[in-house]
Amino acid sequence: MTDKVLYEELCPKEFEERITVCPIAYLPLGTLEWHGPHLPLGADGIQSQELFVRVAKKVGGVVLPKLFLGPDRYYHDPEKEFYGMDIYTGGTVVPYEMQQLSGSAYWMPDHQYQQMILQIAANLSRAGIKILVAHGHGPSTWQFCDLKNEIKALYGMDCYTAFDFLDDDVLGYQCDHAAANETSITMAVRRELVQMERITSGNEAPVAIAGRDPREYASEEYGKQVLEANVEAMSKGLLSLL
């Protein structure tokens, strides 16, 4: 059986071989969203896809392309629309004014997102998938969780997130916004994409970063601990299901 795990790279026979052995699909719930001055705009999908690739290589199954649309908080004034971290609600490293954060281009209404997820599940069921694992952008992940029972009833497909396999405040996967956890994970999986100097040099403020201050608590070592713990927990959990 081929070692390739990305759905879009598989030839039909390779796809059949992989899902015959392990009928699992992994869906990275990404965005194109401000993740501080120091992280890439696609951080959500990058982190989740890298987790899923590692799990798929251990357990089996196929990794779907990253989504870049998702739900979030939304506010529209007479001139501009704001969503997600544009809207300051507390809990961030520094307070800031509501603003359209550079590069964010991902928001969609809740009902449209839910319909998209249900359609993805329908298509995957047709292709032979029995288990769907999705994770990434926080609001996307929680709305996916809300659809688990409906997907099971409609398509007989079991649904999980990383939090179903490892519920841990320290080692949870993507459990802050661009702070110590997500910064460390991105360091561990794509170190070349992290530009810590943008928030440590004093030239750019750590705006819209929610969680422990990455300038103090982020490290590649911590990211590797989070990644390895989740790969191990998810792999063990999925193998027990199979």
C-alpha atoms as a PDB file:
ATOM      1  CA  MET A   1       0.000   0.000   0.000  1.00  0.00           C
ATOM      2  CA  THR A   2       1.246   3.478  -0.875  1.00  0.00           C
ATOM      3  CA  ASP A   3       2.756   5.687   1.823  1.00  0.00           C
ATOM      4  CA  LYS A   4       0.957   8.724   0.404  1.00  0.00           C
ATOM      5  CA  VAL A   5      -1.870   9.971   2.632  1.00  0.00           C
ATOM      6  CA  LEU A   6      -3.090  13.208   1.016  1.00  0.00           C
ATOM      7  CA  TYR A   7      -6.422  12.483  -0.660  1.00  0.00           C
ATOM      8  CA  GLU A   8      -5.704  14.724  -3.667  1.00  0.00           C
ATOM      9  CA  GLU A   9      -2.427  12.943  -4.439  1.00  0.00           C
ATOM     10  CA  LEU A  10      -3.870   9.415  -4.531  1.00  0.00           C
ATOM     11  CA  CYS A  11      -4.769   7.562  -7.700  1.00  0.00           C
ATOM     12  CA  PRO A  12      -8.126   5.720  -7.468  1.00  0.00           C
ATOM     13  CA  LYS A  13      -6.556   2.324  -6.800  1.00  0.00           C
ATOM     14  CA  GLU A  14      -4.334   3.777  -4.094  1.00  0.00           C
ATOM     15  CA  PHE A  15      -7.371   5.401  -2.489  1.00  0.00           C
ATOM     16  CA  GLU A  16      -9.283   2.118  -2.551  1.00  0.00           C
ATOM     17  CA  GLU A  17      -6.396   0.244  -0.966  1.00  0.00           C
ATOM     18  CA  ARG A  18      -6.054   2.759   1.860  1.00  0.00           C
ATOM     19  CA  ILE A  19      -9.726   2.979   2.820  1.00  0.00           C
ATOM     20  CA  THR A  20     -10.229  -0.779   2.514  1.00  0.00           C
ATOM     21  CA  VAL A  21      -7.658  -1.193   5.262  1.00  0.00           C
ATOM     22  CA  CYS A  22      -8.721   1.910   7.209  1.00  0.00           C
ATOM     23  CA  PRO A  23     -11.905   3.802   6.194  1.00  0.00           C
ATOM     24  CA  ILE A  24     -10.970   7.030   8.008  1.00  0.00           C
ATOM     25  CA  ALA A  25     -10.838  10.549   6.571  1.00  0.00           C
ATOM     26  CA  TYR A  26      -9.181  13.478   8.344  1.00  0.00           C
ATOM     27  CA  LEU A  27     -10.450  17.011   7.698  1.00  0.00           C
ATOM     28  CA  PRO A  28      -8.244  19.997   8.632  1.00  0.00           C
ATOM     29  CA  LEU A  29     -10.553  22.831   9.677  1.00  0.00           C
ATOM     30  CA  GLY A  30      -8.491  25.743   8.523  1.00  0.00           C
ATOM     31  CA  THR A  31      -8.954  29.464   7.960  1.00  0.00           C
ATOM     32  CA  LEU A  32      -7.117  32.337   6.359  1.00  0.00           C
ATOM     33  CA  GLU A  33      -6.968  34.275   9.584  1.00  0.00           C
ATOM     34  CA  TRP A  34      -4.726  36.678  11.486  1.00  0.00           C
ATOM     35  CA  HIS A  35      -2.681  34.686  13.993  1.00  0.00           C
ATOM     36  CA  GLY A  36      -0.633  37.528  15.382  1.00  0.00           C
ATOM     37  CA  PRO A  37       2.166  39.255  13.482  1.00  0.00           C
ATOM     38  CA  HIS A  38       4.362  36.174  13.870  1.00  0.00           C
ATOM     39  CA  LEU A  39       2.342  33.235  12.473  1.00  0.00           C
ATOM     40  CA  PRO A  40       1.117  32.448   8.951  1.00  0.00           C
ATOM     41  CA  LEU A  41      -2.452  33.264   8.022  1.00  0.00           C
ATOM     42  CA  GLY A  42      -3.134  29.590   7.372  1.00  0.00           C
ATOM     43  CA  ALA A  43      -1.906  28.472  10.794  1.00  0.00           C
ATOM     44  CA  ASP A  44      -5.132  26.663  11.714  1.00  0.00           C
ATOM     45  CA  GLY A  45      -5.110  24.329   8.731  1.00  0.00           C
ATOM     46  CA  ILE A  46      -1.349  23.888   8.734  1.00  0.00           C
ATOM     47  CA  GLN A  47      -1.345  22.659  12.333  1.00  0.00           C
ATOM     48  CA  SER A  48      -4.267  20.274  11.942  1.00  0.00           C
ATOM     49  CA  GLN A  49      -3.104  18.858   8.621  1.00  0.00           C
ATOM     50  CA  GLU A  50       0.370  18.153  10.013  1.00  0.00           C
ATOM     51  CA  LEU A  51      -1.206  16.278  12.942  1.00  0.00           C
ATOM     52  CA  PHE A  52      -3.436  14.278  10.610  1.00  0.00           C
ATOM     53  CA  VAL A  53      -0.633  13.358   8.219  1.00  0.00           C
ATOM     54  CA  ARG A  54       1.340  11.855  11.087  1.00  0.00           C
ATOM     55  CA  VAL A  55      -1.670   9.939  12.399  1.00  0.00           C
ATOM     56  CA  ALA A  56      -2.629   8.681   8.939  1.00  0.00           C
ATOM     57  CA  LYS A  57       0.870   7.334   8.428  1.00  0.00           C
ATOM     58  CA  LYS A  58       0.580   5.376  11.676  1.00  0.00           C
ATOM     59  CA  VAL A  59      -3.064   4.294  11.546  1.00  0.00           C
ATOM     60  CA  GLY A  60      -4.137   4.574   7.920  1.00  0.00           C
ATOM     61  CA  GLY A  61      -6.814   6.556   6.151  1.00  0.00           C
ATOM     62  CA  VAL A  62      -6.691   9.669   3.972  1.00  0.00           C
ATOM     63  CA  VAL A  63      -6.121  13.347   4.741  1.00  0.00           C
ATOM     64  CA  LEU A  64      -8.455  15.799   3.035  1.00  0.00           C
ATOM     65  CA  PRO A  65      -7.423  19.231   1.711  1.00  0.00           C
ATOM     66  CA  LYS A  66      -7.498  22.069   4.218  1.00  0.00           C
ATOM     67  CA  LEU A  67     -10.655  24.146   4.447  1.00  0.00           C
ATOM     68  CA  PHE A  68     -10.122  27.898   4.581  1.00  0.00           C
ATOM     69  CA  LEU A  69     -13.679  29.057   5.331  1.00  0.00           C
ATOM     70  CA  GLY A  70     -15.274  28.862   8.751  1.00  0.00           C
ATOM     71  CA  PRO A  71     -17.734  30.397  11.229  1.00  0.00           C
ATOM     72  CA  ASP A  72     -16.903  32.933  13.912  1.00  0.00           C
ATOM     73  CA  ARG A  73     -18.175  35.931  15.849  1.00  0.00           C
ATOM     74  CA  TYR A  74     -19.500  38.595  13.504  1.00  0.00           C
ATOM     75  CA  TYR A  75     -20.345  42.295  13.694  1.00  0.00           C
ATOM     76  CA  HIS A  76     -21.309  44.651  10.888  1.00  0.00           C
ATOM     77  CA  ASP A  77     -21.311  48.402  11.381  1.00  0.00           C
ATOM     78  CA  PRO A  78     -22.561  50.839   8.720  1.00  0.00           C
ATOM     79  CA  GLU A  79     -19.215  50.804   6.907  1.00  0.00           C
ATOM     80  CA  LYS A  80     -17.271  47.626   7.735  1.00  0.00           C
ATOM     81  CA  GLU A  81     -17.705  44.025   8.793  1.00  0.00           C
ATOM     82  CA  PHE A  82     -15.693  42.508  11.608  1.00  0.00           C
ATOM     83  CA  TYR A  83     -15.286  38.881  12.591  1.00  0.00           C
ATOM     84  CA  GLY A  84     -13.315  36.601  14.830  1.00  0.00           C
ATOM     85  CA  MET A  85     -10.365  38.254  16.507  1.00  0.00           C
ATOM     86  CA  ASP A  86     -11.208  41.589  14.859  1.00  0.00           C
ATOM     87  CA  ILE A  87     -13.561  41.930  17.829  1.00  0.00           C
ATOM     88  CA  TYR A  88     -11.803  42.348  21.171  1.00  0.00           C
ATOM     89  CA  THR A  89     -13.628  40.509  23.956  1.00  0.00           C
ATOM     90  CA  GLY A  90     -10.858  40.157  26.552  1.00  0.00           C
ATOM     91  CA  GLY A  91      -8.504  37.293  27.371  1.00  0.00           C
ATOM     92  CA  THR A  92      -5.763  38.479  25.031  1.00  0.00           C
ATOM     93  CA  VAL A  93      -2.117  39.272  25.739  1.00  0.00           C
ATOM     94  CA  VAL A  94      -2.789  42.965  25.148  1.00  0.00           C
ATOM     95  CA  PRO A  95      -6.073  44.894  24.762  1.00  0.00           C
ATOM     96  CA  TYR A  96      -6.745  46.478  21.364  1.00  0.00           C
ATOM     97  CA  GLU A  97      -9.315  48.418  19.399  1.00  0.00           C
ATOM     98  CA  MET A  98     -11.796  46.591  17.172  1.00  0.00           C
ATOM     99  CA  GLN A  99     -10.258  46.494  13.711  1.00  0.00           C
ATOM    100  CA  GLN A 100     -10.129  44.530  10.480  1.00  0.00           C
ATOM    101  CA  LEU A 101      -7.007  42.447  11.056  1.00  0.00           C
ATOM    102  CA  SER A 102      -4.764  42.160   8.038  1.00  0.00           C
ATOM    103  CA  GLY A 103      -5.176  39.062   5.883  1.00  0.00           C
ATOM    104  CA  SER A 104      -8.274  37.606   7.518  1.00  0.00           C
ATOM    105  CA  ALA A 105     -10.553  36.311   4.742  1.00  0.00           C
ATOM    106  CA  TYR A 106     -12.492  33.282   5.903  1.00  0.00           C
ATOM    107  CA  TRP A 107     -15.849  34.046   7.535  1.00  0.00           C
ATOM    108  CA  MET A 108     -19.071  32.337   6.513  1.00  0.00           C
ATOM    109  CA  PRO A 109     -22.465  32.180   8.277  1.00  0.00           C
ATOM    110  CA  ASP A 110     -23.082  29.301  10.667  1.00  0.00           C
ATOM    111  CA  HIS A 111     -25.830  27.700   8.585  1.00  0.00           C
ATOM    112  CA  GLN A 112     -23.703  27.757   5.427  1.00  0.00           C
ATOM    113  CA  TYR A 113     -20.789  26.203   7.265  1.00  0.00           C
ATOM    114  CA  GLN A 114     -23.010  23.480   8.697  1.00  0.00           C
ATOM    115  CA  GLN A 115     -24.412  22.694   5.255  1.00  0.00           C
ATOM    116  CA  MET A 116     -20.885  22.502   3.855  1.00  0.00           C
ATOM    117  CA  ILE A 117     -19.804  20.031   6.540  1.00  0.00           C
ATOM    118  CA  LEU A 118     -22.897  17.902   5.967  1.00  0.00           C
ATOM    119  CA  GLN A 119     -22.231  17.866   2.224  1.00  0.00           C
ATOM    120  CA  ILE A 120     -18.614  16.865   2.814  1.00  0.00           C
ATOM    121  CA  ALA A 121     -19.828  14.019   5.022  1.00  0.00           C
ATOM    122  CA  ALA A 122     -22.310  12.922   2.337  1.00  0.00           C
ATOM    123  CA  ASN A 123     -19.597  12.832  -0.304  1.00  0.00           C
ATOM    124  CA  LEU A 124     -17.179  10.959   1.933  1.00  0.00           C
ATOM    125  CA  SER A 125     -19.841   8.409   2.839  1.00  0.00           C
ATOM    126  CA  ARG A 126     -20.410   7.783  -0.872  1.00  0.00           C
ATOM    127  CA  ALA A 127     -16.658   7.214  -1.265  1.00  0.00           C
ATOM    128  CA  GLY A 128     -16.617   4.584   1.505  1.00  0.00           C
ATOM    129  CA  ILE A 129     -15.471   6.557   4.556  1.00  0.00           C
ATOM    130  CA  LYS A 130     -16.808   5.304   7.907  1.00  0.00           C
ATOM    131  CA  ILE A 131     -15.005   7.601  10.375  1.00  0.00           C
ATOM    132  CA  LEU A 132     -14.433  11.348  10.000  1.00  0.00           C
ATOM    133  CA  VAL A 133     -11.917  13.162  12.200  1.00  0.00           C
ATOM    134  CA  ALA A 134     -11.905  16.969  11.990  1.00  0.00           C
ATOM    135  CA  HIS A 135      -9.996  19.589  13.951  1.00  0.00           C
ATOM    136  CA  GLY A 136      -8.533  23.066  13.685  1.00  0.00           C
ATOM    137  CA  HIS A 137     -10.092  26.543  13.935  1.00  0.00           C
ATOM    138  CA  GLY A 138     -11.942  26.690  17.253  1.00  0.00           C
ATOM    139  CA  PRO A 139     -15.414  27.803  16.130  1.00  0.00           C
ATOM    140  CA  SER A 140     -15.256  25.361  13.209  1.00  0.00           C
ATOM    141  CA  THR A 141     -14.309  22.504  15.515  1.00  0.00           C
ATOM    142  CA  TRP A 142     -17.159  23.181  17.951  1.00  0.00           C
ATOM    143  CA  GLN A 143     -19.740  23.440  15.194  1.00  0.00           C
ATOM    144  CA  PHE A 144     -18.456  20.185  13.741  1.00  0.00           C
ATOM    145  CA  CYS A 145     -19.023  18.650  17.177  1.00  0.00           C
ATOM    146  CA  ASP A 146     -22.599  19.903  17.138  1.00  0.00           C
ATOM    147  CA  LEU A 147     -23.168  17.983  13.883  1.00  0.00           C
ATOM    148  CA  LYS A 148     -21.823  14.628  15.080  1.00  0.00           C
ATOM    149  CA  ASN A 149     -25.197  13.076  15.867  1.00  0.00           C
ATOM    150  CA  GLU A 150     -26.747  14.338  12.639  1.00  0.00           C
ATOM    151  CA  ILE A 151     -23.916  12.954  10.539  1.00  0.00           C
ATOM    152  CA  LYS A 152     -24.210   9.626  12.342  1.00  0.00           C
ATOM    153  CA  ALA A 153     -27.969   9.501  11.738  1.00  0.00           C
ATOM    154  CA  LEU A 154     -27.736  10.505   8.084  1.00  0.00           C
ATOM    155  CA  TYR A 155     -24.666   8.590   6.965  1.00  0.00           C
ATOM    156  CA  GLY A 156     -23.736   6.133   9.719  1.00  0.00           C
ATOM    157  CA  MET A 157     -20.411   7.924  10.046  1.00  0.00           C
ATOM    158  CA  ASP A 158     -18.681   8.332  13.415  1.00  0.00           C
ATOM    159  CA  CYS A 159     -17.087  11.746  14.006  1.00  0.00           C
ATOM    160  CA  TYR A 160     -14.257  12.801  16.297  1.00  0.00           C
ATOM    161  CA  THR A 161     -11.921  15.712  17.044  1.00  0.00           C
ATOM    162  CA  ALA A 162      -8.490  15.728  18.666  1.00  0.00           C
ATOM    163  CA  PHE A 163     -10.171  16.700  21.931  1.00  0.00           C
ATOM    164  CA  ASP A 164     -11.999  13.354  21.983  1.00  0.00           C
ATOM    165  CA  PHE A 165      -8.688  11.548  22.322  1.00  0.00           C
ATOM    166  CA  LEU A 166      -6.688  13.921  24.532  1.00  0.00           C
ATOM    167  CA  ASP A 167      -8.458  16.388  26.827  1.00  0.00           C
ATOM    168  CA  ASP A 168      -5.599  18.244  28.473  1.00  0.00           C
ATOM    169  CA  ASP A 169      -5.254  21.954  29.277  1.00  0.00           C
ATOM    170  CA  VAL A 170      -1.492  21.902  28.686  1.00  0.00           C
ATOM    171  CA  LEU A 171      -1.153  19.372  25.851  1.00  0.00           C
ATOM    172  CA  GLY A 172      -4.441  20.089  24.073  1.00  0.00           C
ATOM    173  CA  TYR A 173      -4.116  20.649  20.343  1.00  0.00           C
ATOM    174  CA  GLN A 174      -4.818  24.212  19.152  1.00  0.00           C
ATOM    175  CA  CYS A 175      -6.403  25.295  22.429  1.00  0.00           C
ATOM    176  CA  ASP A 176      -5.516  29.009  22.253  1.00  0.00           C
ATOM    177  CA  HIS A 177      -5.287  31.607  19.522  1.00  0.00           C
ATOM    178  CA  ALA A 178      -1.769  32.314  18.253  1.00  0.00           C
ATOM    179  CA  ALA A 179      -0.446  32.161  21.812  1.00  0.00           C
ATOM    180  CA  ALA A 180       1.966  29.668  23.422  1.00  0.00           C
ATOM    181  CA  ASN A 181       0.126  26.544  22.237  1.00  0.00           C
ATOM    182  CA  GLU A 182      -0.436  27.364  18.571  1.00  0.00           C
ATOM    183  CA  THR A 183       2.899  29.145  18.233  1.00  0.00           C
ATOM    184  CA  SER A 184       4.737  26.141  19.661  1.00  0.00           C
ATOM    185  CA  ILE A 185       2.871  23.654  17.461  1.00  0.00           C
ATOM    186  CA  THR A 186       3.659  25.694  14.353  1.00  0.00           C
ATOM    187  CA  MET A 187       7.292  25.834  15.433  1.00  0.00           C
ATOM    188  CA  ALA A 188       7.305  22.050  15.725  1.00  0.00           C
ATOM    189  CA  VAL A 189       5.699  21.349  12.349  1.00  0.00           C
ATOM    190  CA  ARG A 190       6.833  24.277  10.163  1.00  0.00           C
ATOM    191  CA  ARG A 191       9.558  26.175  11.982  1.00  0.00           C
ATOM    192  CA  GLU A 192      10.432  28.243   8.900  1.00  0.00           C
ATOM    193  CA  LEU A 193       6.987  29.885   8.940  1.00  0.00           C
ATOM    194  CA  VAL A 194       7.274  31.334  12.463  1.00  0.00           C
ATOM    195  CA  GLN A 195       8.719  34.863  12.736  1.00  0.00           C
ATOM    196  CA  MET A 196       9.046  35.443  16.462  1.00  0.00           C
ATOM    197  CA  GLU A 197      11.147  38.542  15.895  1.00  0.00           C
ATOM    198  CA  ARG A 198       7.965  40.321  14.818  1.00  0.00           C
ATOM    199  CA  ILE A 199       6.659  40.245  18.400  1.00  0.00           C
ATOM    200  CA  THR A 200       9.942  40.217  20.317  1.00  0.00           C
ATOM    201  CA  SER A 201      11.737  43.120  18.627  1.00  0.00           C
ATOM    202  CA  GLY A 202       9.272  45.705  19.900  1.00  0.00           C
ATOM    203  CA  ASN A 203       8.288  46.829  16.401  1.00  0.00           C
ATOM    204  CA  GLU A 204       4.908  45.072  16.325  1.00  0.00           C
ATOM    205  CA  ALA A 205       2.480  44.584  19.214  1.00  0.00           C
ATOM    206  CA  PRO A 206       1.194  41.058  19.952  1.00  0.00           C
ATOM    207  CA  VAL A 207      -2.360  42.075  18.990  1.00  0.00           C
ATOM    208  CA  ALA A 208      -5.243  39.542  18.945  1.00  0.00           C
ATOM    209  CA  ILE A 209      -3.248  36.776  20.634  1.00  0.00           C
ATOM    210  CA  ALA A 210      -5.344  34.925  23.209  1.00  0.00           C
ATOM    211  CA  GLY A 211      -3.740  32.651  25.789  1.00  0.00           C
ATOM    212  CA  ARG A 212      -0.336  32.456  27.407  1.00  0.00           C
ATOM    213  CA  ASP A 213       2.106  34.984  26.004  1.00  0.00           C
ATOM    214  CA  PRO A 214       4.139  33.227  23.261  1.00  0.00           C
ATOM    215  CA  ARG A 215       7.094  35.516  23.901  1.00  0.00           C
ATOM    216  CA  GLU A 216       7.482  33.875  27.288  1.00  0.00           C
ATOM    217  CA  TYR A 217       6.021  30.388  26.944  1.00  0.00           C
ATOM    218  CA  ALA A 218       6.335  29.259  23.308  1.00  0.00           C
ATOM    219  CA  SER A 219       9.074  26.877  22.217  1.00  0.00           C
ATOM    220  CA  GLU A 220       9.662  24.227  19.602  1.00  0.00           C
ATOM    221  CA  GLU A 221      10.219  21.681  22.393  1.00  0.00           C
ATOM    222  CA  TYR A 222       6.791  22.400  23.885  1.00  0.00           C
ATOM    223  CA  GLY A 223       5.246  22.135  20.422  1.00  0.00           C
ATOM    224  CA  LYS A 224       6.808  18.732  19.900  1.00  0.00           C
ATOM    225  CA  GLN A 225       5.412  17.550  23.250  1.00  0.00           C
ATOM    226  CA  VAL A 226       1.912  18.652  22.238  1.00  0.00           C
ATOM    227  CA  LEU A 227       2.226  17.097  18.790  1.00  0.00           C
ATOM    228  CA  GLU A 228       3.617  13.773  19.986  1.00  0.00           C
ATOM    229  CA  ALA A 229       1.039  13.460  22.773  1.00  0.00           C
ATOM    230  CA  ASN A 230      -1.821  14.012  20.349  1.00  0.00           C
ATOM    231  CA  VAL A 231      -0.433  11.734  17.645  1.00  0.00           C
ATOM    232  CA  GLU A 232      -0.084   8.982  20.224  1.00  0.00           C
ATOM    233  CA  ALA A 233      -3.519   9.497  21.802  1.00  0.00           C
ATOM    234  CA  MET A 234      -5.346   9.784  18.479  1.00  0.00           C
ATOM    235  CA  SER A 235      -3.549   6.816  16.951  1.00  0.00           C
ATOM    236  CA  LYS A 236      -4.291   4.620  19.955  1.00  0.00           C
ATOM    237  CA  GLY A 237      -7.927   5.717  20.043  1.00  0.00           C
ATOM    238  CA  LEU A 238      -8.552   5.178  16.342  1.00  0.00           C
ATOM    239  CA  LEU A 239      -6.865   1.789  16.310  1.00  0.00           C
ATOM    240  CA  SER A 240      -9.138   0.693  19.143  1.00  0.00           C
ATOM    241  CA  LEU A 241     -12.159   1.762  17.082  1.00  0.00           C
ATOM    242  CA  LEU A 242     -10.988  -0.196  14.061  1.00  0.00           C
END
